[in-house]
PDB file of N, CA and C in Angstrom:
ATOM      1  N   MET A   1     -21.810  15.183   2.832  1.00  0.00           N
ATOM      2  CA  MET A   1     -21.346  13.830   2.907  1.00  0.00           C
ATOM      3  C   MET A   1     -20.135  13.690   1.976  1.00  0.00           C
ATOM      4  N   SER A   2     -20.037  14.512   0.763  1.00  0.00           N
ATOM      5  CA  SER A   2     -18.980  14.313  -0.084  1.00  0.00           C
ATOM      6  C   SER A   2     -17.599  14.943   0.568  1.00  0.00           C
ATOM      7  N   GLU A   3     -17.819  15.965   1.359  1.00  0.00           N
ATOM      8  CA  GLU A   3     -16.541  16.381   1.937  1.00  0.00           C
ATOM      9  C   GLU A   3     -16.109  15.372   3.059  1.00  0.00           C
ATOM     10  N   GLU A   4     -16.966  14.574   3.562  1.00  0.00           N
ATOM     11  CA  GLU A   4     -16.666  13.745   4.562  1.00  0.00           C
ATOM     12  C   GLU A   4     -15.802  12.341   3.802  1.00  0.00           C
ATOM     13  N   ILE A   5     -16.322  11.999   2.587  1.00  0.00           N
ATOM     14  CA  ILE A   5     -15.711  11.036   1.934  1.00  0.00           C
ATOM     15  C   ILE A   5     -14.359  11.409   1.362  1.00  0.00           C
ATOM     16  N   GLU A   6     -14.149  12.755   0.924  1.00  0.00           N
ATOM     17  CA  GLU A   6     -12.911  13.305   0.415  1.00  0.00           C
ATOM     18  C   GLU A   6     -11.961  13.248   1.472  1.00  0.00           C
ATOM     19  N   GLY A   7     -12.284  13.656   2.801  1.00  0.00           N
ATOM     20  CA  GLY A   7     -11.558  13.709   3.914  1.00  0.00           C
ATOM     21  C   GLY A   7     -10.899  12.322   4.148  1.00  0.00           C
ATOM     22  N   ARG A   8     -11.760  11.273   4.101  1.00  0.00           N
ATOM     23  CA  ARG A   8     -11.391   9.937   4.507  1.00  0.00           C
ATOM     24  C   ARG A   8     -10.462   9.448   3.376  1.00  0.00           C
ATOM     25  N   VAL A   9     -10.695   9.731   2.132  1.00  0.00           N
ATOM     26  CA  VAL A   9      -9.925   9.410   0.925  1.00  0.00           C
ATOM     27  C   VAL A   9      -8.544   9.960   1.078  1.00  0.00           C
ATOM     28  N   LYS A  10      -8.526  11.235   1.574  1.00  0.00           N
ATOM     29  CA  LYS A  10      -7.274  12.067   1.707  1.00  0.00           C
ATOM     30  C   LYS A  10      -6.413  11.380   2.736  1.00  0.00           C
ATOM     31  N   ARG A  11      -7.019  11.050   3.795  1.00  0.00           N
ATOM     32  CA  ARG A  11      -6.299  10.357   4.952  1.00  0.00           C
ATOM     33  C   ARG A  11      -5.729   9.057   4.526  1.00  0.00           C
ATOM     34  N   TYR A  12      -6.495   8.328   3.746  1.00  0.00           N
ATOM     35  CA  TYR A  12      -6.056   6.923   3.070  1.00  0.00           C
ATOM     36  C   TYR A  12      -4.838   7.261   2.404  1.00  0.00           C
ATOM     37  N   GLN A  13      -4.853   8.347   1.528  1.00  0.00           N
ATOM     38  CA  GLN A  13      -3.828   8.575   0.580  1.00  0.00           C
ATOM     39  C   GLN A  13      -2.562   8.793   1.291  1.00  0.00           C
ATOM     40  N   SER A  14      -2.727   9.775   2.280  1.00  0.00           N
ATOM     41  CA  SER A  14      -1.465  10.246   3.098  1.00  0.00           C
ATOM     42  C   SER A  14      -0.927   8.938   3.720  1.00  0.00           C
ATOM     43  N   ARG A  15      -1.764   8.054   4.300  1.00  0.00           N
ATOM     44  CA  ARG A  15      -1.103   6.854   4.889  1.00  0.00           C
ATOM     45  C   ARG A  15      -0.591   5.847   3.941  1.00  0.00           C
ATOM     46  N   ALA A  16      -1.112   5.774   2.785  1.00  0.00           N
ATOM     47  CA  ALA A  16      -0.584   4.877   1.736  1.00  0.00           C
ATOM     48  C   ALA A  16       0.810   5.371   1.289  1.00  0.00           C
ATOM     49  N   ILE A  17       0.885   6.759   1.011  1.00  0.00           N
ATOM     50  CA  ILE A  17       2.249   7.340   0.723  1.00  0.00           C
ATOM     51  C   ILE A  17       3.204   7.019   1.783  1.00  0.00           C
ATOM     52  N   GLY A  18       2.744   7.305   3.067  1.00  0.00           N
ATOM     53  CA  GLY A  18       3.651   7.174   4.116  1.00  0.00           C
ATOM     54  C   GLY A  18       4.250   5.790   4.147  1.00  0.00           C
ATOM     55  N   LEU A  19       3.301   4.891   3.867  1.00  0.00           N
ATOM     56  CA  LEU A  19       3.804   3.307   3.857  1.00  0.00           C
ATOM     57  C   LEU A  19       4.692   3.023   2.751  1.00  0.00           C
ATOM     58  N   ALA A  20       4.499   3.604   1.594  1.00  0.00           N
ATOM     59  CA  ALA A  20       5.327   3.574   0.424  1.00  0.00           C
ATOM     60  C   ALA A  20       6.754   4.116   0.963  1.00  0.00           C
ATOM     61  N   ILE A  21       6.827   5.073   1.533  1.00  0.00           N
ATOM     62  CA  ILE A  21       8.161   5.653   1.927  1.00  0.00           C
ATOM     63  C   ILE A  21       8.770   4.893   2.889  1.00  0.00           C
ATOM     64  N   LEU A  22       7.928   4.300   3.994  1.00  0.00           N
ATOM     65  CA  LEU A  22       8.500   3.522   5.031  1.00  0.00           C
ATOM     66  C   LEU A  22       9.150   2.221   4.405  1.00  0.00           C
ATOM     67  N   VAL A  23       8.303   1.694   3.350  1.00  0.00           N
ATOM     68  CA  VAL A  23       8.916   0.442   2.829  1.00  0.00           C
ATOM     69  C   VAL A  23      10.230   0.867   2.039  1.00  0.00           C
ATOM     70  N   HIS A  24      10.371   1.825   1.551  1.00  0.00           N
ATOM     71  CA  HIS A  24      11.625   2.210   0.738  1.00  0.00           C
ATOM     72  C   HIS A  24      12.789   2.302   1.727  1.00  0.00           C
ATOM     73  N   PHE A  25      12.407   2.856   3.063  1.00  0.00           N
ATOM     74  CA  PHE A  25      13.490   2.946   4.000  1.00  0.00           C
ATOM     75  C   PHE A  25      13.837   1.643   4.778  1.00  0.00           C
ATOM     76  N   LEU A  26      12.733   0.759   4.722  1.00  0.00           N
ATOM     77  CA  LEU A  26      13.129  -0.462   5.261  1.00  0.00           C
ATOM     78  C   LEU A  26      13.951  -1.534   4.561  1.00  0.00           C
ATOM     79  N   ILE A  27      14.588  -1.101   3.561  1.00  0.00           N
ATOM     80  CA  ILE A  27      15.361  -1.958   2.607  1.00  0.00           C
ATOM     81  C   ILE A  27      16.470  -2.616   3.384  1.00  0.00           C
ATOM     82  N   ILE A  28      17.091  -1.881   4.439  1.00  0.00           N
ATOM     83  CA  ILE A  28      18.201  -2.592   5.183  1.00  0.00           C
ATOM     84  C   ILE A  28      17.672  -3.708   5.915  1.00  0.00           C
ATOM     85  N   PHE A  29      16.574  -3.655   6.472  1.00  0.00           N
ATOM     86  CA  PHE A  29      15.898  -4.830   7.209  1.00  0.00           C
ATOM     87  C   PHE A  29      15.635  -6.004   6.361  1.00  0.00           C
ATOM     88  N   THR A  30      15.008  -5.665   5.173  1.00  0.00           N
ATOM     89  CA  THR A  30      14.624  -6.555   4.071  1.00  0.00           C
ATOM     90  C   THR A  30      15.864  -7.310   3.741  1.00  0.00           C
ATOM     91  N   GLY A  31      17.005  -6.622   3.471  1.00  0.00           N
ATOM     92  CA  GLY A  31      18.210  -7.156   3.082  1.00  0.00           C
ATOM     93  C   GLY A  31      18.818  -8.005   4.002  1.00  0.00           C
ATOM     94  N   ILE A  32      18.868  -7.567   5.320  1.00  0.00           N
ATOM     95  CA  ILE A  32      19.374  -8.443   6.390  1.00  0.00           C
ATOM     96  C   ILE A  32      18.713  -9.701   6.500  1.00  0.00           C
ATOM     97  N   VAL A  33      17.359  -9.658   6.507  1.00  0.00           N
ATOM     98  CA  VAL A  33      16.623 -10.987   6.562  1.00  0.00           C
ATOM     99  C   VAL A  33      16.679 -11.853   5.356  1.00  0.00           C
ATOM    100  N   THR A  34      16.640 -11.238   4.186  1.00  0.00           N
ATOM    101  CA  THR A  34      16.824 -12.074   3.015  1.00  0.00           C
ATOM    102  C   THR A  34      18.159 -12.530   2.722  1.00  0.00           C
ATOM    103  N   LEU A  35      19.282 -11.706   2.872  1.00  0.00           N
ATOM    104  CA  LEU A  35      20.724 -12.152   2.680  1.00  0.00           C
ATOM    105  C   LEU A  35      21.251 -12.853   3.801  1.00  0.00           C
ATOM    106  N   VAL A  36      21.048 -12.457   5.054  1.00  0.00           N
ATOM    107  CA  VAL A  36      21.770 -12.885   6.211  1.00  0.00           C
ATOM    108  C   VAL A  36      21.100 -14.092   6.743  1.00  0.00           C
ATOM    109  N   VAL A  37      19.804 -13.870   7.315  1.00  0.00           N
ATOM    110  CA  VAL A  37      19.037 -14.842   7.801  1.00  0.00           C
ATOM    111  C   VAL A  37      18.579 -16.052   7.043  1.00  0.00           C
ATOM    112  N   LEU A  38      18.127 -15.674   5.801  1.00  0.00           N
ATOM    113  CA  LEU A  38      17.589 -16.812   4.976  1.00  0.00           C
ATOM    114  C   LEU A  38      18.661 -17.258   3.831  1.00  0.00           C
ATOM    115  N   ARG A  39      19.827 -16.544   3.950  1.00  0.00           N
ATOM    116  CA  ARG A  39      20.829 -17.012   3.112  1.00  0.00           C
ATOM    117  C   ARG A  39      20.640 -17.152   1.556  1.00  0.00           C
ATOM    118  N   GLN A  40      19.741 -16.010   1.091  1.00  0.00           N
ATOM    119  CA  GLN A  40      19.300 -16.147  -0.359  1.00  0.00           C
ATOM    120  C   GLN A  40      20.359 -15.236  -1.103  1.00  0.00           C
ATOM    121  N   PRO A  41      20.331 -15.588  -2.396  1.00  0.00           N
ATOM    122  CA  PRO A  41      21.283 -14.675  -3.400  1.00  0.00           C
ATOM    123  C   PRO A  41      20.605 -13.353  -3.441  1.00  0.00           C
ATOM    124  N   LEU A  42      21.595 -12.443  -4.006  1.00  0.00           N
ATOM    125  CA  LEU A  42      21.278 -11.000  -4.114  1.00  0.00           C
ATOM    126  C   LEU A  42      19.972 -10.814  -4.951  1.00  0.00           C
ATOM    127  N   LEU A  43      19.916 -11.641  -5.979  1.00  0.00           N
ATOM    128  CA  LEU A  43      18.829 -11.453  -7.042  1.00  0.00           C
ATOM    129  C   LEU A  43      17.492 -11.723  -6.422  1.00  0.00           C
ATOM    130  N   ILE A  44      17.265 -12.619  -5.476  1.00  0.00           N
ATOM    131  CA  ILE A  44      16.118 -12.884  -4.528  1.00  0.00           C
ATOM    132  C   ILE A  44      15.774 -11.640  -3.768  1.00  0.00           C
ATOM    133  N   PHE A  45      16.876 -11.124  -3.216  1.00  0.00           N
ATOM    134  CA  PHE A  45      16.595  -9.770  -2.492  1.00  0.00           C
ATOM    135  C   PHE A  45      16.033  -8.746  -3.207  1.00  0.00           C
ATOM    136  N   ILE A  46      16.579  -8.510  -4.396  1.00  0.00           N
ATOM    137  CA  ILE A  46      16.183  -7.499  -5.268  1.00  0.00           C
ATOM    138  C   ILE A  46      14.785  -7.774  -5.554  1.00  0.00           C
ATOM    139  N   ILE A  47      14.461  -9.033  -6.037  1.00  0.00           N
ATOM    140  CA  ILE A  47      13.036  -9.179  -6.385  1.00  0.00           C
ATOM    141  C   ILE A  47      12.049  -9.070  -5.316  1.00  0.00           C
ATOM    142  N   THR A  48      12.483  -9.486  -4.085  1.00  0.00           N
ATOM    143  CA  THR A  48      11.695  -9.335  -2.848  1.00  0.00           C
ATOM    144  C   THR A  48      11.346  -7.907  -2.728  1.00  0.00           C
ATOM    145  N   HIS A  49      12.225  -7.157  -2.573  1.00  0.00           N
ATOM    146  CA  HIS A  49      12.152  -5.728  -2.282  1.00  0.00           C
ATOM    147  C   HIS A  49      11.370  -4.968  -3.386  1.00  0.00           C
ATOM    148  N   ALA A  50      11.679  -5.331  -4.606  1.00  0.00           N
ATOM    149  CA  ALA A  50      10.969  -4.559  -5.648  1.00  0.00           C
ATOM    150  C   ALA A  50       9.478  -5.114  -5.711  1.00  0.00           C
ATOM    151  N   THR A  51       9.267  -6.256  -5.433  1.00  0.00           N
ATOM    152  CA  THR A  51       7.875  -6.608  -5.321  1.00  0.00           C
ATOM    153  C   THR A  51       6.891  -5.847  -4.135  1.00  0.00           C
ATOM    154  N   ILE A  52       7.709  -5.730  -2.842  1.00  0.00           N
ATOM    155  CA  ILE A  52       7.091  -4.902  -1.788  1.00  0.00           C
ATOM    156  C   ILE A  52       6.946  -3.675  -2.191  1.00  0.00           C
ATOM    157  N   GLN A  53       7.900  -2.932  -2.724  1.00  0.00           N
ATOM    158  CA  GLN A  53       7.853  -1.532  -3.184  1.00  0.00           C
ATOM    159  C   GLN A  53       6.775  -1.371  -4.204  1.00  0.00           C
ATOM    160  N   ALA A  54       6.635  -2.156  -5.107  1.00  0.00           N
ATOM    161  CA  ALA A  54       5.690  -1.985  -6.305  1.00  0.00           C
ATOM    162  C   ALA A  54       4.196  -2.153  -5.743  1.00  0.00           C
ATOM    163  N   ALA A  55       4.077  -2.992  -4.858  1.00  0.00           N
ATOM    164  CA  ALA A  55       2.715  -3.202  -4.092  1.00  0.00           C
ATOM    165  C   ALA A  55       2.343  -2.034  -3.264  1.00  0.00           C
ATOM    166  N   ALA A  56       3.347  -1.489  -2.704  1.00  0.00           N
ATOM    167  CA  ALA A  56       3.170  -0.196  -1.861  1.00  0.00           C
ATOM    168  C   ALA A  56       2.940   1.000  -2.623  1.00  0.00           C
ATOM    169  N   ILE A  57       3.564   1.241  -3.820  1.00  0.00           N
ATOM    170  CA  ILE A  57       3.356   2.246  -4.700  1.00  0.00           C
ATOM    171  C   ILE A  57       1.966   2.142  -5.411  1.00  0.00           C
ATOM    172  N   ALA A  58       1.525   0.735  -5.880  1.00  0.00           N
ATOM    173  CA  ALA A  58       0.266   0.555  -6.492  1.00  0.00           C
ATOM    174  C   ALA A  58      -0.750   0.929  -5.479  1.00  0.00           C
ATOM    175  N   ASN A  59      -0.626   0.612  -4.192  1.00  0.00           N
ATOM    176  CA  ASN A  59      -1.493   0.947  -3.233  1.00  0.00           C
ATOM    177  C   ASN A  59      -1.724   2.620  -3.096  1.00  0.00           C
ATOM    178  N   ALA A  60      -0.511   3.157  -3.140  1.00  0.00           N
ATOM    179  CA  ALA A  60      -0.725   4.709  -3.069  1.00  0.00           C
ATOM    180  C   ALA A  60      -1.260   5.450  -4.278  1.00  0.00           C
ATOM    181  N   VAL A  61      -1.122   4.716  -5.534  1.00  0.00           N
ATOM    182  CA  VAL A  61      -1.610   5.339  -6.771  1.00  0.00           C
ATOM    183  C   VAL A  61      -3.177   4.927  -6.862  1.00  0.00           C
ATOM    184  N   ILE A  62      -3.430   3.603  -6.904  1.00  0.00           N
ATOM    185  CA  ILE A  62      -4.790   3.138  -7.319  1.00  0.00           C
ATOM    186  C   ILE A  62      -5.693   3.067  -6.103  1.00  0.00           C
ATOM    187  N   GLY A  63      -5.207   2.871  -4.901  1.00  0.00           N
ATOM    188  CA  GLY A  63      -5.846   2.701  -3.701  1.00  0.00           C
ATOM    189  C   GLY A  63      -6.911   3.751  -3.328  1.00  0.00           C
ATOM    190  N   PRO A  64      -6.670   4.998  -3.450  1.00  0.00           N
ATOM    191  CA  PRO A  64      -7.589   6.031  -3.173  1.00  0.00           C
ATOM    192  C   PRO A  64      -8.904   5.977  -4.109  1.00  0.00           C
ATOM    193  N   THR A  65      -8.616   5.621  -5.288  1.00  0.00           N
ATOM    194  CA  THR A  65      -9.776   5.660  -6.199  1.00  0.00           C
ATOM    195  C   THR A  65     -10.640   4.385  -5.843  1.00  0.00           C
ATOM    196  N   ILE A  66      -9.996   3.311  -5.533  1.00  0.00           N
ATOM    197  CA  ILE A  66     -10.963   2.220  -5.209  1.00  0.00           C
ATOM    198  C   ILE A  66     -11.627   2.402  -3.835  1.00  0.00           C
ATOM    199  N   TYR A  67     -10.850   3.082  -2.875  1.00  0.00           N
ATOM    200  CA  TYR A  67     -11.501   3.541  -1.636  1.00  0.00           C
ATOM    201  C   TYR A  67     -12.534   4.397  -1.733  1.00  0.00           C
ATOM    202  N   ARG A  68     -12.514   5.421  -2.683  1.00  0.00           N
ATOM    203  CA  ARG A  68     -13.514   6.355  -2.979  1.00  0.00           C
ATOM    204  C   ARG A  68     -14.804   5.708  -3.442  1.00  0.00           C
ATOM    205  N   ARG A  69     -14.501   4.662  -4.353  1.00  0.00           N
ATOM    206  CA  ARG A  69     -15.762   4.093  -5.013  1.00  0.00           C
ATOM    207  C   ARG A  69     -16.425   3.148  -3.968  1.00  0.00           C
ATOM    208  N   TYR A  70     -15.613   2.711  -3.069  1.00  0.00           N
ATOM    209  CA  TYR A  70     -16.192   1.662  -1.961  1.00  0.00           C
ATOM    210  C   TYR A  70     -16.975   2.525  -1.037  1.00  0.00           C
ATOM    211  N   LEU A  71     -16.508   3.788  -0.561  1.00  0.00           N
ATOM    212  CA  LEU A  71     -17.264   4.676   0.257  1.00  0.00           C
ATOM    213  C   LEU A  71     -18.612   5.214  -0.437  1.00  0.00           C
ATOM    214  N   LEU A  72     -18.404   5.619  -1.607  1.00  0.00           N
ATOM    215  CA  LEU A  72     -19.629   6.100  -2.325  1.00  0.00           C
ATOM    216  C   LEU A  72     -20.771   4.996  -2.519  1.00  0.00           C
ATOM    217  N   ALA A  73     -20.248   3.768  -2.802  1.00  0.00           N
ATOM    218  CA  ALA A  73     -21.322   2.578  -2.804  1.00  0.00           C
ATOM    219  C   ALA A  73     -21.746   2.310  -1.509  1.00  0.00           C
ATOM    220  N   LYS A  74     -21.073   2.358  -0.472  1.00  0.00           N
ATOM    221  CA  LYS A  74     -21.358   2.016   0.945  1.00  0.00           C
ATOM    222  C   LYS A  74     -22.419   3.236   1.262  1.00  0.00           C
ATOM    223  N   SER A  75     -22.235   4.405   0.921  1.00  0.00           N
ATOM    224  CA  SER A  75     -23.156   5.511   1.320  1.00  0.00           C
ATOM    225  C   SER A  75     -24.478   5.334   0.681  1.00  0.00           C
ATOM    226  N   MET A  76     -24.461   4.807  -0.567  1.00  0.00           N
ATOM    227  CA  MET A  76     -25.665   4.654  -1.234  1.00  0.00           C
ATOM    228  C   MET A  76     -26.379   3.371  -0.982  1.00  0.00           C
ATOM    229  N   ARG A  77     -25.703   2.603  -0.011  1.00  0.00           N
ATOM    230  CA  ARG A  77     -26.186   1.215   0.253  1.00  0.00           C
ATOM    231  C   ARG A  77     -26.427   0.257  -0.816  1.00  0.00           C
ATOM    232  N   ARG A  78     -25.562   0.432  -1.861  1.00  0.00           N
ATOM    233  CA  ARG A  78     -25.480  -0.582  -2.878  1.00  0.00           C
ATOM    234  C   ARG A  78     -24.453  -1.619  -2.768  1.00  0.00           C
ATOM    235  N   LEU A  79     -23.728  -1.622  -1.624  1.00  0.00           N
ATOM    236  CA  LEU A  79     -22.739  -2.588  -1.502  1.00  0.00           C
ATOM    237  C   LEU A  79     -23.110  -3.618  -0.682  1.00  0.00           C
ATOM    238  N   ASP A  80     -22.948  -4.960  -1.172  1.00  0.00           N
ATOM    239  CA  ASP A  80     -23.357  -6.071  -0.252  1.00  0.00           C
ATOM    240  C   ASP A  80     -22.182  -6.823  -0.128  1.00  0.00           C
ATOM    241  N   ILE A  81     -21.850  -6.994   1.289  1.00  0.00           N
ATOM    242  CA  ILE A  81     -20.663  -7.681   1.566  1.00  0.00           C
ATOM    243  C   ILE A  81     -21.094  -8.970   2.258  1.00  0.00           C
ATOM    244  N   ALA A  82     -20.760 -10.141   1.595  1.00  0.00           N
ATOM    245  CA  ALA A  82     -21.152 -11.350   2.173  1.00  0.00           C
ATOM    246  C   ALA A  82     -20.398 -11.754   3.468  1.00  0.00           C
TER     247      ALA A  82
END
């Protein structure tokens, strides 16, 4: 069972890292929407992209640990979801 949990966590981590890389490369679309369509100043674009990138990186760093704890608690049937 531990190997199954570790496999699922590894897949989660791979997807989270892929998402962080994808967000980094989508800066051009974020820029077009923020600067051209919404007509916001450059500072708003920088703040918007930095926030999205920080959330994606935090998910890649902290997410697997939280997901592992969730799976372990679920496997021990100690998790009650209302």
